[in-house]
């Protein structure tokens, strides 16, 4: 039963790391999409590239700003998982 609790804890930690890694990219993209959607609804302009290009630019900026922090987070999680392997094998 302890093994199941251990793996559930690892899975929970993995989901938390995933949420922390995705949030700096998804939140700005969602905000830009919402603002541009309201602008499109107000002006009745239905152009697909009107939303795609600004989202692409915002995602590139978000990755440039927070990309190193995301990689550090993922590397730390990976190191921690690899360090736990001997405890699991025993």
PDB file of N, CA and C in Angstrom:
ATOM      1  N   UNK A   1       0.821  -1.204   0.000  1.00  0.00           N
ATOM      2  CA  UNK A   1       0.000   0.000   0.000  1.00  0.00           C
ATOM      3  C   UNK A   1       0.856   1.254   0.000  1.00  0.00           C
ATOM      4  N   UNK A   2       2.035   1.180   0.612  1.00  0.00           N
ATOM      5  CA  UNK A   2       2.909   2.344   0.654  1.00  0.00           C
ATOM      6  C   UNK A   2       3.412   2.695  -0.735  1.00  0.00           C
ATOM      7  N   UNK A   3       3.617   1.667  -1.583  1.00  0.00           N
ATOM      8  CA  UNK A   3       4.059   1.933  -2.946  1.00  0.00           C
ATOM      9  C   UNK A   3       3.006   2.703  -3.728  1.00  0.00           C
ATOM     10  N   UNK A   4       1.750   2.351  -3.526  1.00  0.00           N
ATOM     11  CA  UNK A   4       0.677   3.059  -4.219  1.00  0.00           C
ATOM     12  C   UNK A   4       0.614   4.514  -3.762  1.00  0.00           C
ATOM     13  N   UNK A   5       0.793   4.749  -2.478  1.00  0.00           N
ATOM     14  CA  UNK A   5       0.799   6.123  -1.978  1.00  0.00           C
ATOM     15  C   UNK A   5       1.984   6.901  -2.539  1.00  0.00           C
ATOM     16  N   UNK A   6       3.104   6.228  -2.643  1.00  0.00           N
ATOM     17  CA  UNK A   6       4.297   6.882  -3.184  1.00  0.00           C
ATOM     18  C   UNK A   6       4.065   7.301  -4.637  1.00  0.00           C
ATOM     19  N   UNK A   7       3.538   6.390  -5.443  1.00  0.00           N
ATOM     20  CA  UNK A   7       3.319   6.699  -6.852  1.00  0.00           C
ATOM     21  C   UNK A   7       2.214   7.729  -7.043  1.00  0.00           C
ATOM     22  N   UNK A   8       1.234   7.728  -6.181  1.00  0.00           N
ATOM     23  CA  UNK A   8       0.204   8.772  -6.242  1.00  0.00           C
ATOM     24  C   UNK A   8       0.802  10.140  -5.923  1.00  0.00           C
ATOM     25  N   UNK A   9       1.732  10.172  -4.973  1.00  0.00           N
ATOM     26  CA  UNK A   9       2.413  11.418  -4.646  1.00  0.00           C
ATOM     27  C   UNK A   9       3.265  11.915  -5.791  1.00  0.00           C
ATOM     28  N   UNK A  10       3.943  10.999  -6.463  1.00  0.00           N
ATOM     29  CA  UNK A  10       4.758  11.378  -7.621  1.00  0.00           C
ATOM     30  C   UNK A  10       3.868  11.887  -8.753  1.00  0.00           C
ATOM     31  N   UNK A  11       2.747  11.216  -8.974  1.00  0.00           N
ATOM     32  CA  UNK A  11       1.826  11.660 -10.016  1.00  0.00           C
ATOM     33  C   UNK A  11       1.244  13.034  -9.692  1.00  0.00           C
ATOM     34  N   UNK A  12       0.912  13.255  -8.427  1.00  0.00           N
ATOM     35  CA  UNK A  12       0.387  14.561  -8.019  1.00  0.00           C
ATOM     36  C   UNK A  12       1.441  15.642  -8.208  1.00  0.00           C
ATOM     37  N   UNK A  13       2.678  15.343  -7.845  1.00  0.00           N
ATOM     38  CA  UNK A  13       3.760  16.304  -8.029  1.00  0.00           C
ATOM     39  C   UNK A  13       4.007  16.564  -9.512  1.00  0.00           C
ATOM     40  N   UNK A  14       3.909  15.536 -10.344  1.00  0.00           N
ATOM     41  CA  UNK A  14       4.097  15.706 -11.781  1.00  0.00           C
ATOM     42  C   UNK A  14       3.021  16.602 -12.376  1.00  0.00           C
ATOM     43  N   UNK A  15       1.789  16.433 -11.937  1.00  0.00           N
ATOM     44  CA  UNK A  15       0.710  17.300 -12.430  1.00  0.00           C
ATOM     45  C   UNK A  15       0.903  18.743 -11.980  1.00  0.00           C
ATOM     46  N   UNK A  16       1.393  18.934 -10.761  1.00  0.00           N
ATOM     47  CA  UNK A  16       1.647  20.284 -10.263  1.00  0.00           C
ATOM     48  C   UNK A  16       2.771  20.950 -11.062  1.00  0.00           C
ATOM     49  N   UNK A  17       3.836  20.207 -11.337  1.00  0.00           N
ATOM     50  CA  UNK A  17       4.944  20.740 -12.141  1.00  0.00           C
ATOM     51  C   UNK A  17       4.461  21.066 -13.545  1.00  0.00           C
ATOM     52  N   UNK A  18       3.602  20.210 -14.100  1.00  0.00           N
ATOM     53  CA  UNK A  18       3.036  20.472 -15.417  1.00  0.00           C
ATOM     54  C   UNK A  18       2.224  21.764 -15.428  1.00  0.00           C
ATOM     55  N   UNK A  19       1.415  21.965 -14.413  1.00  0.00           N
ATOM     56  CA  UNK A  19       0.619  23.198 -14.334  1.00  0.00           C
ATOM     57  C   UNK A  19       1.509  24.423 -14.201  1.00  0.00           C
ATOM     58  N   UNK A  20       2.559  24.312 -13.385  1.00  0.00           N
ATOM     59  CA  UNK A  20       3.477  25.442 -13.221  1.00  0.00           C
ATOM     60  C   UNK A  20       4.264  25.721 -14.489  1.00  0.00           C
ATOM     61  N   UNK A  21       4.558  24.693 -15.263  1.00  0.00           N
ATOM     62  CA  UNK A  21       5.315  24.885 -16.496  1.00  0.00           C
ATOM     63  C   UNK A  21       4.447  25.467 -17.607  1.00  0.00           C
ATOM     64  N   UNK A  22       3.184  25.117 -17.631  1.00  0.00           N
ATOM     65  CA  UNK A  22       2.302  25.577 -18.704  1.00  0.00           C
ATOM     66  C   UNK A  22       1.677  26.946 -18.442  1.00  0.00           C
ATOM     67  N   UNK A  23       1.516  27.307 -17.204  1.00  0.00           N
ATOM     68  CA  UNK A  23       0.810  28.548 -16.863  1.00  0.00           C
ATOM     69  C   UNK A  23       1.446  29.808 -17.460  1.00  0.00           C
ATOM     70  N   UNK A  24       2.776  29.979 -17.409  1.00  0.00           N
ATOM     71  CA  UNK A  24       3.334  31.221 -17.978  1.00  0.00           C
ATOM     72  C   UNK A  24       3.126  31.360 -19.483  1.00  0.00           C
ATOM     73  N   UNK A  25       2.802  30.275 -20.155  1.00  0.00           N
ATOM     74  CA  UNK A  25       2.564  30.340 -21.596  1.00  0.00           C
ATOM     75  C   UNK A  25       1.070  30.446 -21.880  1.00  0.00           C
ATOM     76  N   UNK A  26       0.266  29.657 -21.177  1.00  0.00           N
ATOM     77  CA  UNK A  26      -1.157  29.605 -21.478  1.00  0.00           C
ATOM     78  C   UNK A  26      -1.927  30.842 -21.029  1.00  0.00           C
ATOM     79  N   UNK A  27      -1.589  31.374 -19.861  1.00  0.00           N
ATOM     80  CA  UNK A  27      -2.361  32.508 -19.340  1.00  0.00           C
ATOM     81  C   UNK A  27      -2.270  33.736 -20.245  1.00  0.00           C
ATOM     82  N   UNK A  28      -1.072  34.170 -20.683  1.00  0.00           N
ATOM     83  CA  UNK A  28      -1.041  35.312 -21.619  1.00  0.00           C
ATOM     84  C   UNK A  28      -1.745  35.017 -22.946  1.00  0.00           C
ATOM     85  N   UNK A  29      -1.622  33.782 -23.448  1.00  0.00           N
ATOM     86  CA  UNK A  29      -2.294  33.438 -24.700  1.00  0.00           C
ATOM     87  C   UNK A  29      -3.809  33.492 -24.534  1.00  0.00           C
ATOM     88  N   UNK A  30      -4.320  33.028 -23.392  1.00  0.00           N
ATOM     89  CA  UNK A  30      -5.758  33.089 -23.147  1.00  0.00           C
ATOM     90  C   UNK A  30      -6.252  34.530 -23.028  1.00  0.00           C
ATOM     91  N   UNK A  31      -5.479  35.364 -22.361  1.00  0.00           N
ATOM     92  CA  UNK A  31      -5.876  36.768 -22.204  1.00  0.00           C
ATOM     93  C   UNK A  31      -5.904  37.470 -23.554  1.00  0.00           C
ATOM     94  N   UNK A  32      -4.858  37.260 -24.361  1.00  0.00           N
ATOM     95  CA  UNK A  32      -4.819  37.880 -25.690  1.00  0.00           C
ATOM     96  C   UNK A  32      -5.961  37.361 -26.555  1.00  0.00           C
ATOM     97  N   UNK A  33      -6.240  36.064 -26.485  1.00  0.00           N
ATOM     98  CA  UNK A  33      -7.348  35.510 -27.257  1.00  0.00           C
ATOM     99  C   UNK A  33      -8.687  36.091 -26.844  1.00  0.00           C
ATOM    100  N   UNK A  34      -8.873  36.290 -25.544  1.00  0.00           N
ATOM    101  CA  UNK A  34     -10.119  36.878 -25.055  1.00  0.00           C
ATOM    102  C   UNK A  34     -10.272  38.316 -25.528  1.00  0.00           C
ATOM    103  N   UNK A  35      -9.214  39.104 -25.408  1.00  0.00           N
ATOM    104  CA  UNK A  35      -9.280  40.513 -25.830  1.00  0.00           C
ATOM    105  C   UNK A  35      -9.519  40.607 -27.332  1.00  0.00           C
ATOM    106  N   UNK A  36      -8.797  39.813 -28.107  1.00  0.00           N
ATOM    107  CA  UNK A  36      -8.984  39.864 -29.555  1.00  0.00           C
ATOM    108  C   UNK A  36     -10.346  39.318 -29.966  1.00  0.00           C
ATOM    109  N   UNK A  37     -10.865  38.347 -29.236  1.00  0.00           N
ATOM    110  CA  UNK A  37     -12.211  37.854 -29.516  1.00  0.00           C
ATOM    111  C   UNK A  37     -13.262  38.921 -29.287  1.00  0.00           C
ATOM    112  N   UNK A  38     -13.084  39.704 -28.231  1.00  0.00           N
ATOM    113  CA  UNK A  38     -14.029  40.801 -27.975  1.00  0.00           C
ATOM    114  C   UNK A  38     -13.922  41.865 -29.054  1.00  0.00           C
ATOM    115  N   UNK A  39     -12.699  42.146 -29.499  1.00  0.00           N
ATOM    116  CA  UNK A  39     -12.514  43.131 -30.572  1.00  0.00           C
ATOM    117  C   UNK A  39     -13.155  42.631 -31.864  1.00  0.00           C
ATOM    118  N   UNK A  40     -12.955  41.338 -32.164  1.00  0.00           N
ATOM    119  CA  UNK A  40     -13.578  40.782 -33.367  1.00  0.00           C
ATOM    120  C   UNK A  40     -15.101  40.796 -33.285  1.00  0.00           C
ATOM    121  N   UNK A  41     -15.637  40.536 -32.117  1.00  0.00           N
ATOM    122  CA  UNK A  41     -17.093  40.557 -31.961  1.00  0.00           C
ATOM    123  C   UNK A  41     -17.634  41.968 -32.094  1.00  0.00           C
ATOM    124  N   UNK A  42     -16.883  42.943 -31.597  1.00  0.00           N
ATOM    125  CA  UNK A  42     -17.352  44.328 -31.665  1.00  0.00           C
ATOM    126  C   UNK A  42     -17.259  44.891 -33.077  1.00  0.00           C
ATOM    127  N   UNK A  43     -16.254  44.455 -33.830  1.00  0.00           N
ATOM    128  CA  UNK A  43     -16.054  45.023 -35.168  1.00  0.00           C
ATOM    129  C   UNK A  43     -16.567  44.115 -36.284  1.00  0.00           C
ATOM    130  N   UNK A  44     -17.025  42.913 -35.958  1.00  0.00           N
ATOM    131  CA  UNK A  44     -17.509  41.924 -36.928  1.00  0.00           C
ATOM    132  C   UNK A  44     -16.448  41.546 -37.962  1.00  0.00           C
ATOM    133  N   UNK A  45     -15.184  41.571 -37.542  1.00  0.00           N
ATOM    134  CA  UNK A  45     -14.090  41.127 -38.409  1.00  0.00           C
ATOM    135  C   UNK A  45     -13.771  39.690 -38.009  1.00  0.00           C
ATOM    136  N   UNK A  46     -13.981  38.770 -38.932  1.00  0.00           N
ATOM    137  CA  UNK A  46     -13.712  37.362 -38.660  1.00  0.00           C
ATOM    138  C   UNK A  46     -12.520  36.903 -39.484  1.00  0.00           C
ATOM    139  N   UNK A  47     -11.354  37.295 -39.068  1.00  0.00           N
ATOM    140  CA  UNK A  47     -10.119  36.936 -39.747  1.00  0.00           C
ATOM    141  C   UNK A  47      -9.318  36.012 -38.829  1.00  0.00           C
ATOM    142  N   UNK A  48      -8.946  34.843 -39.324  1.00  0.00           N
ATOM    143  CA  UNK A  48      -8.243  33.865 -38.487  1.00  0.00           C
ATOM    144  C   UNK A  48      -6.845  34.343 -38.120  1.00  0.00           C
ATOM    145  N   UNK A  49      -6.171  35.013 -39.044  1.00  0.00           N
ATOM    146  CA  UNK A  49      -4.805  35.465 -38.759  1.00  0.00           C
ATOM    147  C   UNK A  49      -4.786  36.622 -37.778  1.00  0.00           C
ATOM    148  N   UNK A  50      -5.903  37.292 -37.610  1.00  0.00           N
ATOM    149  CA  UNK A  50      -5.965  38.403 -36.667  1.00  0.00           C
ATOM    150  C   UNK A  50      -5.741  37.927 -35.240  1.00  0.00           C
ATOM    151  N   UNK A  51      -6.155  36.709 -34.919  1.00  0.00           N
ATOM    152  CA  UNK A  51      -5.917  36.178 -33.582  1.00  0.00           C
ATOM    153  C   UNK A  51      -4.647  35.342 -33.519  1.00  0.00           C
ATOM    154  N   UNK A  52      -4.277  34.705 -34.624  1.00  0.00           N
ATOM    155  CA  UNK A  52      -3.133  33.800 -34.612  1.00  0.00           C
ATOM    156  C   UNK A  52      -1.814  34.531 -34.429  1.00  0.00           C
ATOM    157  N   UNK A  53      -1.600  35.582 -35.179  1.00  0.00           N
ATOM    158  CA  UNK A  53      -0.305  36.290 -35.139  1.00  0.00           C
ATOM    159  C   UNK A  53      -0.053  36.951 -33.779  1.00  0.00           C
ATOM    160  N   UNK A  54      -1.004  37.684 -33.191  1.00  0.00           N
ATOM    161  CA  UNK A  54      -0.723  38.248 -31.857  1.00  0.00           C
ATOM    162  C   UNK A  54      -0.497  37.185 -30.783  1.00  0.00           C
ATOM    163  N   UNK A  55      -1.245  36.075 -30.848  1.00  0.00           N
ATOM    164  CA  UNK A  55      -1.013  34.999 -29.887  1.00  0.00           C
ATOM    165  C   UNK A  55       0.381  34.412 -30.051  1.00  0.00           C
ATOM    166  N   UNK A  56       0.799  34.238 -31.292  1.00  0.00           N
ATOM    167  CA  UNK A  56       2.132  33.708 -31.558  1.00  0.00           C
ATOM    168  C   UNK A  56       3.206  34.635 -31.002  1.00  0.00           C
ATOM    169  N   UNK A  57       3.022  35.928 -31.166  1.00  0.00           N
ATOM    170  CA  UNK A  57       3.989  36.904 -30.650  1.00  0.00           C
ATOM    171  C   UNK A  57       4.007  36.883 -29.126  1.00  0.00           C
ATOM    172  N   UNK A  58       2.833  36.840 -28.499  1.00  0.00           N
ATOM    173  CA  UNK A  58       2.756  36.816 -27.034  1.00  0.00           C
ATOM    174  C   UNK A  58       3.371  35.535 -26.480  1.00  0.00           C
ATOM    175  N   UNK A  59       3.134  34.412 -27.129  1.00  0.00           N
ATOM    176  CA  UNK A  59       3.725  33.153 -26.670  1.00  0.00           C
ATOM    177  C   UNK A  59       5.240  33.192 -26.805  1.00  0.00           C
ATOM    178  N   UNK A  60       5.748  33.767 -27.882  1.00  0.00           N
ATOM    179  CA  UNK A  60       7.199  33.891 -28.047  1.00  0.00           C
ATOM    180  C   UNK A  60       7.800  34.774 -26.961  1.00  0.00           C
ATOM    181  N   UNK A  61       7.135  35.861 -26.633  1.00  0.00           N
ATOM    182  CA  UNK A  61       7.621  36.748 -25.567  1.00  0.00           C
ATOM    183  C   UNK A  61       7.565  36.041 -24.217  1.00  0.00           C
ATOM    184  N   UNK A  62       6.475  35.321 -23.960  1.00  0.00           N
ATOM    185  CA  UNK A  62       6.345  34.590 -22.693  1.00  0.00           C
ATOM    186  C   UNK A  62       7.420  33.522 -22.561  1.00  0.00           C
ATOM    187  N   UNK A  63       7.719  32.829 -23.658  1.00  0.00           N
ATOM    188  CA  UNK A  63       8.779  31.826 -23.623  1.00  0.00           C
ATOM    189  C   UNK A  63      10.150  32.468 -23.418  1.00  0.00           C
ATOM    190  N   UNK A  64      10.360  33.626 -24.026  1.00  0.00           N
ATOM    191  CA  UNK A  64      11.641  34.311 -23.844  1.00  0.00           C
ATOM    192  C   UNK A  64      11.825  34.764 -22.400  1.00  0.00           C
ATOM    193  N   UNK A  65      10.739  35.197 -21.772  1.00  0.00           N
ATOM    194  CA  UNK A  65      10.826  35.690 -20.393  1.00  0.00           C
ATOM    195  C   UNK A  65      10.910  34.545 -19.393  1.00  0.00           C
ATOM    196  N   UNK A  66      10.042  33.540 -19.551  1.00  0.00           N
ATOM    197  CA  UNK A  66       9.943  32.504 -18.521  1.00  0.00           C
ATOM    198  C   UNK A  66      10.480  31.146 -18.954  1.00  0.00           C
ATOM    199  N   UNK A  67      11.069  31.060 -20.116  1.00  0.00           N
ATOM    200  CA  UNK A  67      11.557  29.778 -20.608  1.00  0.00           C
ATOM    201  C   UNK A  67      12.632  29.167 -19.735  1.00  0.00           C
ATOM    202  N   UNK A  68      13.549  29.973 -19.253  1.00  0.00           N
ATOM    203  CA  UNK A  68      14.620  29.429 -18.410  1.00  0.00           C
ATOM    204  C   UNK A  68      14.069  28.928 -17.075  1.00  0.00           C
ATOM    205  N   UNK A  69      13.104  29.637 -16.523  1.00  0.00           N
ATOM    206  CA  UNK A  69      12.504  29.185 -15.257  1.00  0.00           C
ATOM    207  C   UNK A  69      11.748  27.872 -15.450  1.00  0.00           C
ATOM    208  N   UNK A  70      11.088  27.731 -16.581  1.00  0.00           N
ATOM    209  CA  UNK A  70      10.375  26.489 -16.873  1.00  0.00           C
ATOM    210  C   UNK A  70      11.359  25.333 -17.009  1.00  0.00           C
ATOM    211  N   UNK A  71      12.454  25.566 -17.724  1.00  0.00           N
ATOM    212  CA  UNK A  71      13.455  24.506 -17.886  1.00  0.00           C
ATOM    213  C   UNK A  71      14.098  24.130 -16.560  1.00  0.00           C
ATOM    214  N   UNK A  72      14.359  25.096 -15.711  1.00  0.00           N
ATOM    215  CA  UNK A  72      14.923  24.802 -14.385  1.00  0.00           C
ATOM    216  C   UNK A  72      13.938  23.982 -13.568  1.00  0.00           C
ATOM    217  N   UNK A  73      12.665  24.334 -13.619  1.00  0.00           N
ATOM    218  CA  UNK A  73      11.629  23.583 -12.897  1.00  0.00           C
ATOM    219  C   UNK A  73      11.572  22.135 -13.375  1.00  0.00           C
ATOM    220  N   UNK A  74      11.570  21.948 -14.687  1.00  0.00           N
ATOM    221  CA  UNK A  74      11.512  20.590 -15.230  1.00  0.00           C
ATOM    222  C   UNK A  74      12.786  19.806 -14.932  1.00  0.00           C
ATOM    223  N   UNK A  75      13.940  20.465 -14.990  1.00  0.00           N
ATOM    224  CA  UNK A  75      15.202  19.780 -14.687  1.00  0.00           C
ATOM    225  C   UNK A  75      15.268  19.376 -13.219  1.00  0.00           C
ATOM    226  N   UNK A  76      14.819  20.234 -12.325  1.00  0.00           N
ATOM    227  CA  UNK A  76      14.803  19.892 -10.895  1.00  0.00           C
ATOM    228  C   UNK A  76      13.870  18.713 -10.619  1.00  0.00           C
ATOM    229  N   UNK A  77      12.713  18.712 -11.251  1.00  0.00           N
ATOM    230  CA  UNK A  77      11.779  17.607 -11.067  1.00  0.00           C
ATOM    231  C   UNK A  77      12.379  16.302 -11.591  1.00  0.00           C
ATOM    232  N   UNK A  78      13.018  16.370 -12.742  1.00  0.00           N
ATOM    233  CA  UNK A  78      13.627  15.173 -13.317  1.00  0.00           C
ATOM    234  C   UNK A  78      14.752  14.650 -12.436  1.00  0.00           C
ATOM    235  N   UNK A  79      15.595  15.547 -11.923  1.00  0.00           N
ATOM    236  CA  UNK A  79      16.669  15.128 -11.016  1.00  0.00           C
ATOM    237  C   UNK A  79      16.098  14.466  -9.760  1.00  0.00           C
ATOM    238  N   UNK A  80      15.030  15.035  -9.236  1.00  0.00           N
ATOM    239  CA  UNK A  80      14.410  14.470  -8.035  1.00  0.00           C
ATOM    240  C   UNK A  80      13.839  13.079  -8.299  1.00  0.00           C
ATOM    241  N   UNK A  81      13.200  12.908  -9.441  1.00  0.00           N
ATOM    242  CA  UNK A  81      12.657  11.592  -9.789  1.00  0.00           C
ATOM    243  C   UNK A  81      13.793  10.579  -9.966  1.00  0.00           C
ATOM    244  N   UNK A  82      14.862  10.967 -10.655  1.00  0.00           N
ATOM    245  CA  UNK A  82      15.991  10.050 -10.851  1.00  0.00           C
ATOM    246  C   UNK A  82      16.685   9.732  -9.535  1.00  0.00           C
ATOM    247  N   UNK A  83      16.718  10.678  -8.612  1.00  0.00           N
ATOM    248  CA  UNK A  83      17.342  10.427  -7.312  1.00  0.00           C
ATOM    249  C   UNK A  83      16.516   9.444  -6.482  1.00  0.00           C
ATOM    250  N   UNK A  84      15.222   9.367  -6.748  1.00  0.00           N
ATOM    251  CA  UNK A  84      14.350   8.451  -5.990  1.00  0.00           C
ATOM    252  C   UNK A  84      14.368   7.021  -6.526  1.00  0.00           C
ATOM    253  N   UNK A  85      14.967   6.793  -7.669  1.00  0.00           N
ATOM    254  CA  UNK A  85      14.949   5.455  -8.281  1.00  0.00           C
ATOM    255  C   UNK A  85      15.547   4.388  -7.363  1.00  0.00           C
ATOM    256  N   UNK A  86      16.676   4.616  -6.703  1.00  0.00           N
ATOM    257  CA  UNK A  86      17.187   3.552  -5.806  1.00  0.00           C
ATOM    258  C   UNK A  86      16.240   3.201  -4.667  1.00  0.00           C
ATOM    259  N   UNK A  87      15.483   4.149  -4.180  1.00  0.00           N
ATOM    260  CA  UNK A  87      14.520   3.849  -3.115  1.00  0.00           C
ATOM    261  C   UNK A  87      13.368   2.986  -3.617  1.00  0.00           C
ATOM    262  N   UNK A  88      12.996   3.156  -4.883  1.00  0.00           N
ATOM    263  CA  UNK A  88      11.899   2.381  -5.447  1.00  0.00           C
ATOM    264  C   UNK A  88      12.341   0.944  -5.712  1.00  0.00           C
ATOM    265  N   UNK A  89      13.563   0.785  -6.202  1.00  0.00           N
ATOM    266  CA  UNK A  89      14.039  -0.531  -6.611  1.00  0.00           C
ATOM    267  C   UNK A  89      14.225  -1.461  -5.416  1.00  0.00           C
ATOM    268  N   UNK A  90      14.595  -0.923  -4.271  1.00  0.00           N
ATOM    269  CA  UNK A  90      14.842  -1.756  -3.089  1.00  0.00           C
ATOM    270  C   UNK A  90      13.651  -2.510  -2.642  1.00  0.00           C
TER     271      UNK A  90
END
